[in-house]
């Protein structure tokens, strides 16, 4: 079985907890970081820019993605240009559409042609992948982020879809595919198997890395011990 060191897929830490982000950024196997407004709100972040600049003051040598948060494309553009100016390692996350279901393709093309490194986010289909890729500059590094975990939530297997996207993007060496919203550690190995360039992983899932290659007999015994111990602690009787 592969170990983490055998993987070709790059692991990006996904979160908005300052200490957790900095801890992950310090680990050699973490190749980049991402966050989004939802994670930041859950973490109690009140000043978007102050938080971002604080993280960037510590994380200077790994790519990190920050997302625009307007629903208006003109304002998205303004925010994107400001965010891009925060650091050379910054990628600007642009949602694939706004809340009116209007595609962001024109904005993607405009920003990419201005040299902004983009992370196009919240994609769910390979039609979207192709539409976004057609608008990206071939000379500017960019990410296309497919929410494979959410695809799986609908009962669909994301593996064939992600494999097709990897194949399609081979003609664009500056565009990397992200397997986003993984639900379990297995997804890291699935992403690696299909040749996906990057997978974003939360700290909760990353904590399970120590389980990779663990003896299943030993894991089974630990599980039985846990059930027994909890029953004893609870004082259950029949």
C-alpha atoms as a PDB file:
ATOM      1  CA  UNK A   1       0.000   0.000   0.000  1.00  0.00           C
ATOM      2  CA  UNK A   2       1.197   3.515  -0.816  1.00  0.00           C
ATOM      3  CA  UNK A   3       2.363   5.800   1.955  1.00  0.00           C
ATOM      4  CA  UNK A   4       1.862   9.554   1.998  1.00  0.00           C
ATOM      5  CA  UNK A   5       5.423   9.968   0.729  1.00  0.00           C
ATOM      6  CA  UNK A   6       4.593   7.812  -2.316  1.00  0.00           C
ATOM      7  CA  UNK A   7       1.760  10.068  -3.449  1.00  0.00           C
ATOM      8  CA  UNK A   8       2.102  12.298  -6.491  1.00  0.00           C
ATOM      9  CA  UNK A   9      -1.049  14.300  -5.730  1.00  0.00           C
ATOM     10  CA  UNK A  10      -0.283  17.485  -3.818  1.00  0.00           C
ATOM     11  CA  UNK A  11      -2.103  17.852  -0.501  1.00  0.00           C
ATOM     12  CA  UNK A  12      -3.441  21.320   0.296  1.00  0.00           C
ATOM     13  CA  UNK A  13      -4.742  22.042   3.802  1.00  0.00           C
ATOM     14  CA  UNK A  14      -8.259  23.479   3.771  1.00  0.00           C
ATOM     15  CA  UNK A  15      -9.372  25.530   6.774  1.00  0.00           C
ATOM     16  CA  UNK A  16      -9.682  28.897   8.491  1.00  0.00           C
ATOM     17  CA  UNK A  17      -8.304  28.254  11.957  1.00  0.00           C
ATOM     18  CA  UNK A  18      -5.145  30.372  12.231  1.00  0.00           C
ATOM     19  CA  UNK A  19      -3.168  27.975  14.421  1.00  0.00           C
ATOM     20  CA  UNK A  20      -4.271  24.974  12.403  1.00  0.00           C
ATOM     21  CA  UNK A  21      -3.383  26.635   9.109  1.00  0.00           C
ATOM     22  CA  UNK A  22       0.069  27.622  10.323  1.00  0.00           C
ATOM     23  CA  UNK A  23       0.674  24.164  11.770  1.00  0.00           C
ATOM     24  CA  UNK A  24      -0.255  22.531   8.475  1.00  0.00           C
ATOM     25  CA  UNK A  25       1.791  25.046   6.477  1.00  0.00           C
ATOM     26  CA  UNK A  26       4.874  24.023   8.449  1.00  0.00           C
ATOM     27  CA  UNK A  27       4.580  20.385   7.381  1.00  0.00           C
ATOM     28  CA  UNK A  28       6.646  19.381   4.330  1.00  0.00           C
ATOM     29  CA  UNK A  29       3.901  17.169   2.873  1.00  0.00           C
ATOM     30  CA  UNK A  30       1.437  20.084   2.808  1.00  0.00           C
ATOM     31  CA  UNK A  31       2.090  21.842  -0.485  1.00  0.00           C
ATOM     32  CA  UNK A  32      -0.450  24.679  -0.217  1.00  0.00           C
ATOM     33  CA  UNK A  33      -3.487  26.053   1.613  1.00  0.00           C
ATOM     34  CA  UNK A  34      -7.041  27.082   0.812  1.00  0.00           C
ATOM     35  CA  UNK A  35      -9.896  28.707   2.679  1.00  0.00           C
ATOM     36  CA  UNK A  36     -13.320  30.150   1.908  1.00  0.00           C
ATOM     37  CA  UNK A  37     -15.888  32.532   3.456  1.00  0.00           C
ATOM     38  CA  UNK A  38     -17.922  29.684   4.971  1.00  0.00           C
ATOM     39  CA  UNK A  39     -14.924  28.238   6.806  1.00  0.00           C
ATOM     40  CA  UNK A  40     -13.876  31.715   7.909  1.00  0.00           C
ATOM     41  CA  UNK A  41     -17.334  32.497   9.281  1.00  0.00           C
ATOM     42  CA  UNK A  42     -17.394  29.205  11.204  1.00  0.00           C
ATOM     43  CA  UNK A  43     -13.996  30.074  12.662  1.00  0.00           C
ATOM     44  CA  UNK A  44     -15.323  33.419  13.887  1.00  0.00           C
ATOM     45  CA  UNK A  45     -13.239  35.554  11.520  1.00  0.00           C
ATOM     46  CA  UNK A  46     -14.655  39.100  11.493  1.00  0.00           C
ATOM     47  CA  UNK A  47     -12.086  40.958   9.383  1.00  0.00           C
ATOM     48  CA  UNK A  48     -11.454  39.136   6.126  1.00  0.00           C
ATOM     49  CA  UNK A  49      -8.457  41.208   5.040  1.00  0.00           C
ATOM     50  CA  UNK A  50      -6.775  41.319   8.462  1.00  0.00           C
ATOM     51  CA  UNK A  51      -7.018  37.543   8.760  1.00  0.00           C
ATOM     52  CA  UNK A  52      -5.685  36.975   5.257  1.00  0.00           C
ATOM     53  CA  UNK A  53      -2.745  39.319   5.719  1.00  0.00           C
ATOM     54  CA  UNK A  54      -1.897  37.739   9.068  1.00  0.00           C
ATOM     55  CA  UNK A  55      -1.738  34.294   7.474  1.00  0.00           C
ATOM     56  CA  UNK A  56       0.267  35.630   4.528  1.00  0.00           C
ATOM     57  CA  UNK A  57       2.783  37.217   6.879  1.00  0.00           C
ATOM     58  CA  UNK A  58       3.639  33.665   8.001  1.00  0.00           C
ATOM     59  CA  UNK A  59       2.967  31.642   4.841  1.00  0.00           C
ATOM     60  CA  UNK A  60       5.142  33.039   2.072  1.00  0.00           C
ATOM     61  CA  UNK A  61       6.491  30.064   0.189  1.00  0.00           C
ATOM     62  CA  UNK A  62       3.380  27.965  -0.426  1.00  0.00           C
ATOM     63  CA  UNK A  63       0.354  28.826  -2.585  1.00  0.00           C
ATOM     64  CA  UNK A  64      -2.742  29.935  -0.710  1.00  0.00           C
ATOM     65  CA  UNK A  65      -6.199  30.671  -2.094  1.00  0.00           C
ATOM     66  CA  UNK A  66      -8.564  33.388  -0.863  1.00  0.00           C
ATOM     67  CA  UNK A  67     -12.057  33.805  -2.296  1.00  0.00           C
ATOM     68  CA  UNK A  68     -13.989  36.846  -3.466  1.00  0.00           C
ATOM     69  CA  UNK A  69     -17.339  37.227  -1.734  1.00  0.00           C
ATOM     70  CA  UNK A  70     -19.435  39.539  -3.927  1.00  0.00           C
ATOM     71  CA  UNK A  71     -22.342  38.371  -6.078  1.00  0.00           C
ATOM     72  CA  UNK A  72     -21.742  41.123  -8.654  1.00  0.00           C
ATOM     73  CA  UNK A  73     -19.128  40.433 -11.312  1.00  0.00           C
ATOM     74  CA  UNK A  74     -17.768  43.980 -11.405  1.00  0.00           C
ATOM     75  CA  UNK A  75     -17.274  43.934  -7.646  1.00  0.00           C
ATOM     76  CA  UNK A  76     -15.798  40.421  -7.879  1.00  0.00           C
ATOM     77  CA  UNK A  77     -13.238  41.823 -10.293  1.00  0.00           C
ATOM     78  CA  UNK A  78     -12.330  44.657  -7.937  1.00  0.00           C
ATOM     79  CA  UNK A  79     -11.984  42.272  -4.997  1.00  0.00           C
ATOM     80  CA  UNK A  80      -9.970  39.804  -7.085  1.00  0.00           C
ATOM     81  CA  UNK A  81      -7.441  42.444  -8.114  1.00  0.00           C
ATOM     82  CA  UNK A  82      -7.016  43.574  -4.519  1.00  0.00           C
ATOM     83  CA  UNK A  83      -6.634  40.035  -3.190  1.00  0.00           C
ATOM     84  CA  UNK A  84      -4.130  39.180  -5.932  1.00  0.00           C
ATOM     85  CA  UNK A  85      -2.010  42.127  -4.804  1.00  0.00           C
ATOM     86  CA  UNK A  86      -1.573  40.648  -1.309  1.00  0.00           C
ATOM     87  CA  UNK A  87       1.227  38.289  -2.339  1.00  0.00           C
ATOM     88  CA  UNK A  88       2.969  36.393  -5.128  1.00  0.00           C
ATOM     89  CA  UNK A  89       1.758  33.121  -3.646  1.00  0.00           C
ATOM     90  CA  UNK A  90      -1.917  34.176  -3.657  1.00  0.00           C
ATOM     91  CA  UNK A  91      -4.496  32.521  -5.901  1.00  0.00           C
ATOM     92  CA  UNK A  92      -7.883  34.211  -6.122  1.00  0.00           C
ATOM     93  CA  UNK A  93     -10.903  31.946  -5.810  1.00  0.00           C
ATOM     94  CA  UNK A  94     -13.729  32.816  -8.212  1.00  0.00           C
ATOM     95  CA  UNK A  95     -17.002  30.867  -7.987  1.00  0.00           C
ATOM     96  CA  UNK A  96     -18.020  29.227 -11.246  1.00  0.00           C
ATOM     97  CA  UNK A  97     -21.278  31.214 -11.151  1.00  0.00           C
ATOM     98  CA  UNK A  98     -23.078  33.779  -9.014  1.00  0.00           C
ATOM     99  CA  UNK A  99     -26.261  33.161  -7.020  1.00  0.00           C
ATOM    100  CA  UNK A 100     -28.360  34.018 -10.090  1.00  0.00           C
ATOM    101  CA  UNK A 101     -26.713  31.064 -11.855  1.00  0.00           C
ATOM    102  CA  UNK A 102     -24.927  33.419 -14.240  1.00  0.00           C
ATOM    103  CA  UNK A 103     -21.603  31.856 -15.304  1.00  0.00           C
ATOM    104  CA  UNK A 104     -18.421  33.656 -14.304  1.00  0.00           C
ATOM    105  CA  UNK A 105     -16.623  32.658 -17.511  1.00  0.00           C
ATOM    106  CA  UNK A 106     -16.220  36.194 -18.862  1.00  0.00           C
ATOM    107  CA  UNK A 107     -14.741  37.362 -15.556  1.00  0.00           C
ATOM    108  CA  UNK A 108     -12.415  34.363 -15.476  1.00  0.00           C
ATOM    109  CA  UNK A 109     -11.115  35.235 -18.925  1.00  0.00           C
ATOM    110  CA  UNK A 110     -10.691  38.911 -18.062  1.00  0.00           C
ATOM    111  CA  UNK A 111      -8.777  38.270 -14.849  1.00  0.00           C
ATOM    112  CA  UNK A 112      -6.637  35.493 -16.306  1.00  0.00           C
ATOM    113  CA  UNK A 113      -5.626  37.724 -19.191  1.00  0.00           C
ATOM    114  CA  UNK A 114      -4.578  40.333 -16.622  1.00  0.00           C
ATOM    115  CA  UNK A 115      -2.189  37.829 -15.084  1.00  0.00           C
ATOM    116  CA  UNK A 116      -4.232  36.977 -11.989  1.00  0.00           C
ATOM    117  CA  UNK A 117      -3.612  33.462 -10.703  1.00  0.00           C
ATOM    118  CA  UNK A 118      -7.075  31.982 -10.260  1.00  0.00           C
ATOM    119  CA  UNK A 119      -8.699  29.121  -8.413  1.00  0.00           C
ATOM    120  CA  UNK A 120     -12.081  28.603 -10.062  1.00  0.00           C
ATOM    121  CA  UNK A 121     -14.229  26.977  -7.401  1.00  0.00           C
ATOM    122  CA  UNK A 122     -17.503  25.100  -6.823  1.00  0.00           C
ATOM    123  CA  UNK A 123     -17.482  23.212 -10.126  1.00  0.00           C
ATOM    124  CA  UNK A 124     -19.520  20.012 -10.260  1.00  0.00           C
ATOM    125  CA  UNK A 125     -19.519  18.938 -13.928  1.00  0.00           C
ATOM    126  CA  UNK A 126     -16.983  18.429 -16.672  1.00  0.00           C
ATOM    127  CA  UNK A 127     -18.980  20.752 -18.911  1.00  0.00           C
ATOM    128  CA  UNK A 128     -18.053  23.443 -16.401  1.00  0.00           C
ATOM    129  CA  UNK A 129     -14.435  22.261 -16.430  1.00  0.00           C
ATOM    130  CA  UNK A 130     -14.255  22.606 -20.202  1.00  0.00           C
ATOM    131  CA  UNK A 131     -16.009  25.967 -20.193  1.00  0.00           C
ATOM    132  CA  UNK A 132     -13.642  27.384 -17.567  1.00  0.00           C
ATOM    133  CA  UNK A 133     -10.526  25.919 -19.176  1.00  0.00           C
ATOM    134  CA  UNK A 134     -11.432  27.552 -22.489  1.00  0.00           C
ATOM    135  CA  UNK A 135     -11.270  30.977 -20.820  1.00  0.00           C
ATOM    136  CA  UNK A 136      -8.013  30.575 -18.929  1.00  0.00           C
ATOM    137  CA  UNK A 137      -4.743  31.973 -20.208  1.00  0.00           C
ATOM    138  CA  UNK A 138      -2.373  29.159 -21.105  1.00  0.00           C
ATOM    139  CA  UNK A 139       0.560  31.110 -19.669  1.00  0.00           C
ATOM    140  CA  UNK A 140      -0.844  31.919 -16.210  1.00  0.00           C
ATOM    141  CA  UNK A 141      -0.911  29.275 -13.427  1.00  0.00           C
ATOM    142  CA  UNK A 142      -4.492  28.421 -12.419  1.00  0.00           C
ATOM    143  CA  UNK A 143      -6.507  25.858 -10.498  1.00  0.00           C
ATOM    144  CA  UNK A 144      -9.851  24.326 -11.412  1.00  0.00           C
ATOM    145  CA  UNK A 145     -11.557  23.056  -8.277  1.00  0.00           C
ATOM    146  CA  UNK A 146     -14.132  20.286  -8.717  1.00  0.00           C
ATOM    147  CA  UNK A 147     -16.120  19.473  -5.598  1.00  0.00           C
ATOM    148  CA  UNK A 148     -15.815  15.720  -5.957  1.00  0.00           C
ATOM    149  CA  UNK A 149     -17.010  15.189  -2.388  1.00  0.00           C
ATOM    150  CA  UNK A 150     -20.267  16.943  -3.096  1.00  0.00           C
ATOM    151  CA  UNK A 151     -20.641  15.002  -6.336  1.00  0.00           C
ATOM    152  CA  UNK A 152     -20.335  11.827  -4.225  1.00  0.00           C
ATOM    153  CA  UNK A 153     -22.946  13.190  -1.814  1.00  0.00           C
ATOM    154  CA  UNK A 154     -25.489  12.928  -4.643  1.00  0.00           C
ATOM    155  CA  UNK A 155     -24.843   9.202  -5.101  1.00  0.00           C
ATOM    156  CA  UNK A 156     -22.579   9.673  -8.127  1.00  0.00           C
ATOM    157  CA  UNK A 157     -19.086   8.204  -8.302  1.00  0.00           C
ATOM    158  CA  UNK A 158     -16.723  11.145  -8.894  1.00  0.00           C
ATOM    159  CA  UNK A 159     -13.754   8.998  -9.935  1.00  0.00           C
ATOM    160  CA  UNK A 160     -14.642   8.615 -13.651  1.00  0.00           C
ATOM    161  CA  UNK A 161     -15.504  12.305 -13.844  1.00  0.00           C
ATOM    162  CA  UNK A 162     -12.220  13.348 -12.265  1.00  0.00           C
ATOM    163  CA  UNK A 163     -10.271  10.984 -14.501  1.00  0.00           C
ATOM    164  CA  UNK A 164     -11.878  12.555 -17.573  1.00  0.00           C
ATOM    165  CA  UNK A 165     -11.077  16.048 -16.302  1.00  0.00           C
ATOM    166  CA  UNK A 166      -7.431  15.106 -15.749  1.00  0.00           C
ATOM    167  CA  UNK A 167      -7.216  13.789 -19.302  1.00  0.00           C
ATOM    168  CA  UNK A 168      -8.832  16.885 -20.759  1.00  0.00           C
ATOM    169  CA  UNK A 169      -6.491  19.265 -18.918  1.00  0.00           C
ATOM    170  CA  UNK A 170      -3.338  17.533 -20.162  1.00  0.00           C
ATOM    171  CA  UNK A 171      -3.269  20.074 -22.976  1.00  0.00           C
ATOM    172  CA  UNK A 172      -3.035  22.902 -20.414  1.00  0.00           C
ATOM    173  CA  UNK A 173       0.099  22.320 -18.303  1.00  0.00           C
ATOM    174  CA  UNK A 174      -0.381  25.547 -16.309  1.00  0.00           C
ATOM    175  CA  UNK A 175      -3.858  24.482 -15.157  1.00  0.00           C
ATOM    176  CA  UNK A 176      -4.049  22.083 -12.220  1.00  0.00           C
ATOM    177  CA  UNK A 177      -7.126  20.107 -11.206  1.00  0.00           C
ATOM    178  CA  UNK A 178      -8.193  20.152  -7.558  1.00  0.00           C
ATOM    179  CA  UNK A 179     -10.218  17.337  -5.966  1.00  0.00           C
ATOM    180  CA  UNK A 180     -12.171  19.443  -3.485  1.00  0.00           C
ATOM    181  CA  UNK A 181     -14.416  18.606  -0.512  1.00  0.00           C
ATOM    182  CA  UNK A 182     -13.086  15.095   0.186  1.00  0.00           C
ATOM    183  CA  UNK A 183     -15.061  13.139   2.737  1.00  0.00           C
ATOM    184  CA  UNK A 184     -12.518  10.550   3.821  1.00  0.00           C
ATOM    185  CA  UNK A 185      -8.830   9.731   3.670  1.00  0.00           C
ATOM    186  CA  UNK A 186      -9.453   7.211   0.891  1.00  0.00           C
ATOM    187  CA  UNK A 187     -10.220  10.153  -1.417  1.00  0.00           C
ATOM    188  CA  UNK A 188      -6.559  11.216  -1.283  1.00  0.00           C
ATOM    189  CA  UNK A 189      -5.528   7.865  -2.741  1.00  0.00           C
ATOM    190  CA  UNK A 190      -8.361   7.969  -5.292  1.00  0.00           C
ATOM    191  CA  UNK A 191      -7.237  11.427  -6.408  1.00  0.00           C
ATOM    192  CA  UNK A 192      -3.681  10.153  -6.728  1.00  0.00           C
ATOM    193  CA  UNK A 193      -4.768   7.102  -8.741  1.00  0.00           C
ATOM    194  CA  UNK A 194      -6.599   9.193 -11.366  1.00  0.00           C
ATOM    195  CA  UNK A 195      -3.691  11.616 -11.704  1.00  0.00           C
ATOM    196  CA  UNK A 196      -5.391  14.592 -10.061  1.00  0.00           C
ATOM    197  CA  UNK A 197      -2.853  17.325  -9.364  1.00  0.00           C
ATOM    198  CA  UNK A 198      -4.129  18.570  -5.980  1.00  0.00           C
ATOM    199  CA  UNK A 199      -6.546  17.575  -3.242  1.00  0.00           C
ATOM    200  CA  UNK A 200      -7.761  19.983  -0.565  1.00  0.00           C
ATOM    201  CA  UNK A 201      -8.110  18.307   2.823  1.00  0.00           C
ATOM    202  CA  UNK A 202      -9.474  19.586   6.137  1.00  0.00           C
ATOM    203  CA  UNK A 203      -7.492  19.180   9.345  1.00  0.00           C
ATOM    204  CA  UNK A 204     -10.103  16.680  10.550  1.00  0.00           C
ATOM    205  CA  UNK A 205      -9.307  14.341   7.659  1.00  0.00           C
ATOM    206  CA  UNK A 206      -5.568  15.070   7.781  1.00  0.00           C
ATOM    207  CA  UNK A 207      -5.474  13.802  11.360  1.00  0.00           C
ATOM    208  CA  UNK A 208      -6.288  10.355   9.986  1.00  0.00           C
ATOM    209  CA  UNK A 209      -3.029  10.192   8.029  1.00  0.00           C
ATOM    210  CA  UNK A 210      -1.453   8.325  10.944  1.00  0.00           C
ATOM    211  CA  UNK A 211      -3.853   5.471  10.175  1.00  0.00           C
ATOM    212  CA  UNK A 212      -2.464   4.879   6.676  1.00  0.00           C
ATOM    213  CA  UNK A 213      -1.212   1.296   6.429  1.00  0.00           C
ATOM    214  CA  UNK A 214      -2.372   0.437   9.940  1.00  0.00           C
ATOM    215  CA  UNK A 215      -2.974  -3.248  10.642  1.00  0.00           C
ATOM    216  CA  UNK A 216      -6.689  -3.926  10.241  1.00  0.00           C
ATOM    217  CA  UNK A 217      -6.518  -6.698  12.863  1.00  0.00           C
ATOM    218  CA  UNK A 218      -5.041  -4.205  15.316  1.00  0.00           C
ATOM    219  CA  UNK A 219      -7.629  -1.600  14.349  1.00  0.00           C
ATOM    220  CA  UNK A 220     -10.389  -4.154  14.864  1.00  0.00           C
ATOM    221  CA  UNK A 221      -9.097  -4.955  18.358  1.00  0.00           C
ATOM    222  CA  UNK A 222      -8.889  -1.250  19.251  1.00  0.00           C
ATOM    223  CA  UNK A 223     -12.500  -0.813  18.151  1.00  0.00           C
ATOM    224  CA  UNK A 224     -13.687  -3.725  20.303  1.00  0.00           C
ATOM    225  CA  UNK A 225     -11.757  -2.318  23.278  1.00  0.00           C
ATOM    226  CA  UNK A 226     -13.398   1.079  22.750  1.00  0.00           C
ATOM    227  CA  UNK A 227     -16.905  -0.420  22.790  1.00  0.00           C
ATOM    228  CA  UNK A 228     -16.132  -2.467  25.913  1.00  0.00           C
ATOM    229  CA  UNK A 229     -14.506   0.444  27.741  1.00  0.00           C
ATOM    230  CA  UNK A 230     -17.397   2.792  27.029  1.00  0.00           C
ATOM    231  CA  UNK A 231     -19.952   0.218  28.185  1.00  0.00           C
ATOM    232  CA  UNK A 232     -18.022  -0.225  31.460  1.00  0.00           C
ATOM    233  CA  UNK A 233     -17.683   3.539  31.987  1.00  0.00           C
ATOM    234  CA  UNK A 234     -21.415   3.971  31.386  1.00  0.00           C
ATOM    235  CA  UNK A 235     -22.220   1.279  33.967  1.00  0.00           C
ATOM    236  CA  UNK A 236     -24.627  -0.551  31.673  1.00  0.00           C
ATOM    237  CA  UNK A 237     -26.390  -3.592  33.155  1.00  0.00           C
ATOM    238  CA  UNK A 238     -28.971  -6.073  31.913  1.00  0.00           C
END
